[in-house]
Amino acid sequence: MRVARRSESERGRPGGPRAGRASARQGLTLVEIMVVLAIVGLIAIAMAPAIGGIFGARLVASCNKLSGMVRYAYNLSTLRGKVHRVVIDREEGS
């Protein structure tokens, strides 16, 4: 009876011809990285106006709220004939 032996390359052990090809393909090329960065940049440019619109809407809402508080204080002052103040407390959020 005869037993056939397999070589190291057939067994897939380190140091065989397969090991060199697998490790050479583990990283990314510069072209692939540049393509990904270009796509991310285009998406960021497309999203910038939408993000700005969100912050602008919040600013308009805050200004309207402040305007309403000042108008309310003015109306109370004229109705009651007393001085009323609007206090803005940034720590409390009101």
Protein backbone atom coordinates (compact mmCIF):
# COMPACT_ATOMS: atom_id res chain seq x y z
CA MET A 1 0.00 0.00 0.00
CA ARG A 2 1.31 3.38 -0.98
CA VAL A 3 0.53 6.73 0.75
CA ALA A 4 0.68 9.86 -1.35
CA ARG A 5 2.08 12.93 0.36
CA ARG A 6 0.85 16.41 -0.44
CA SER A 7 3.22 19.31 -0.77
CA GLU A 8 3.03 22.40 1.45
CA SER A 9 1.38 24.43 -1.32
CA GLU A 10 -1.39 21.84 -1.64
CA ARG A 11 -2.01 21.85 2.12
CA GLY A 12 -2.32 25.65 2.22
CA ARG A 13 0.33 26.14 4.89
CA PRO A 14 2.06 29.51 5.37
CA GLY A 15 4.99 29.98 3.09
CA GLY A 16 3.32 28.34 0.10
CA PRO A 17 2.41 30.19 -3.09
CA ARG A 18 -1.15 30.90 -1.88
CA ALA A 19 0.03 32.86 1.15
CA GLY A 20 1.78 35.52 -0.92
CA ARG A 21 -1.26 36.23 -3.09
CA ALA A 22 -3.71 36.45 -0.17
CA SER A 23 -1.65 38.91 1.85
CA ALA A 24 -1.01 41.16 -1.14
CA ARG A 25 -4.77 41.65 -1.66
CA GLN A 26 -5.71 42.59 1.92
CA GLY A 27 -5.25 46.37 1.58
CA LEU A 28 -6.87 49.11 -0.50
CA THR A 29 -5.24 50.88 -3.40
CA LEU A 30 -4.84 54.63 -3.57
CA VAL A 31 -7.35 54.82 -6.41
CA GLU A 32 -10.00 53.02 -4.34
CA ILE A 33 -9.45 55.36 -1.41
CA MET A 34 -9.67 58.43 -3.67
CA VAL A 35 -12.93 57.20 -5.22
CA VAL A 36 -14.47 56.67 -1.78
CA LEU A 37 -13.36 60.13 -0.63
CA ALA A 38 -14.80 61.71 -3.77
CA ILE A 39 -18.16 60.01 -3.20
CA VAL A 40 -18.23 61.08 0.46
CA GLY A 41 -17.38 64.64 -0.58
CA LEU A 42 -20.21 64.75 -3.12
CA ILE A 43 -22.69 63.47 -0.55
CA ALA A 44 -21.50 66.08 1.99
CA ILE A 45 -21.88 68.88 -0.56
CA ALA A 46 -25.39 67.68 -1.43
CA MET A 47 -26.42 67.54 2.24
CA ALA A 48 -25.01 70.94 3.30
CA PRO A 49 -28.04 73.06 2.26
CA ALA A 50 -30.46 70.70 3.99
CA ILE A 51 -28.51 70.85 7.25
CA GLY A 52 -28.33 74.64 7.02
CA GLY A 53 -32.09 74.76 6.51
CA ILE A 54 -32.68 72.82 9.71
CA PHE A 55 -30.59 75.25 11.76
CA GLY A 56 -32.25 78.21 10.05
CA ALA A 57 -35.70 76.87 10.93
CA ARG A 58 -34.68 76.47 14.57
CA LEU A 59 -33.40 80.06 14.61
CA VAL A 60 -36.65 81.40 13.15
CA ALA A 61 -38.67 79.41 15.71
CA SER A 62 -36.57 80.78 18.58
CA CYS A 63 -36.94 84.35 17.31
CA ASN A 64 -40.71 83.93 17.03
CA LYS A 65 -40.88 82.58 20.58
CA LEU A 66 -38.84 85.51 21.92
CA SER A 67 -40.96 87.97 19.97
CA GLY A 68 -44.12 86.47 21.46
CA MET A 69 -42.74 86.75 25.01
CA VAL A 70 -41.81 90.41 24.51
CA ARG A 71 -45.24 91.16 22.99
CA TYR A 72 -46.96 89.42 25.92
CA ALA A 73 -44.92 91.42 28.47
CA TYR A 74 -45.74 94.66 26.61
CA ASN A 75 -49.47 93.86 26.58
CA LEU A 76 -49.46 93.05 30.31
CA SER A 77 -47.59 96.26 31.00
CA THR A 78 -50.09 98.42 29.11
CA LEU A 79 -53.14 96.67 30.61
CA ARG A 80 -51.98 96.74 34.24
CA GLY A 81 -49.92 99.91 34.15
CA LYS A 82 -46.93 98.16 35.74
CA VAL A 83 -43.44 97.30 34.59
CA HIS A 84 -42.97 93.75 33.32
CA ARG A 85 -39.70 92.10 32.31
CA VAL A 86 -38.66 89.27 30.05
CA VAL A 87 -35.89 87.21 31.61
CA ILE A 88 -33.82 84.86 29.47
CA ASP A 89 -32.13 82.11 31.48
CA ARG A 90 -29.80 80.07 29.26
CA GLU A 91 -29.02 77.49 31.96
CA GLU A 92 -32.68 76.64 32.53
CA GLY A 93 -33.53 76.83 28.83
CA SER A 94 -36.29 79.40 29.18
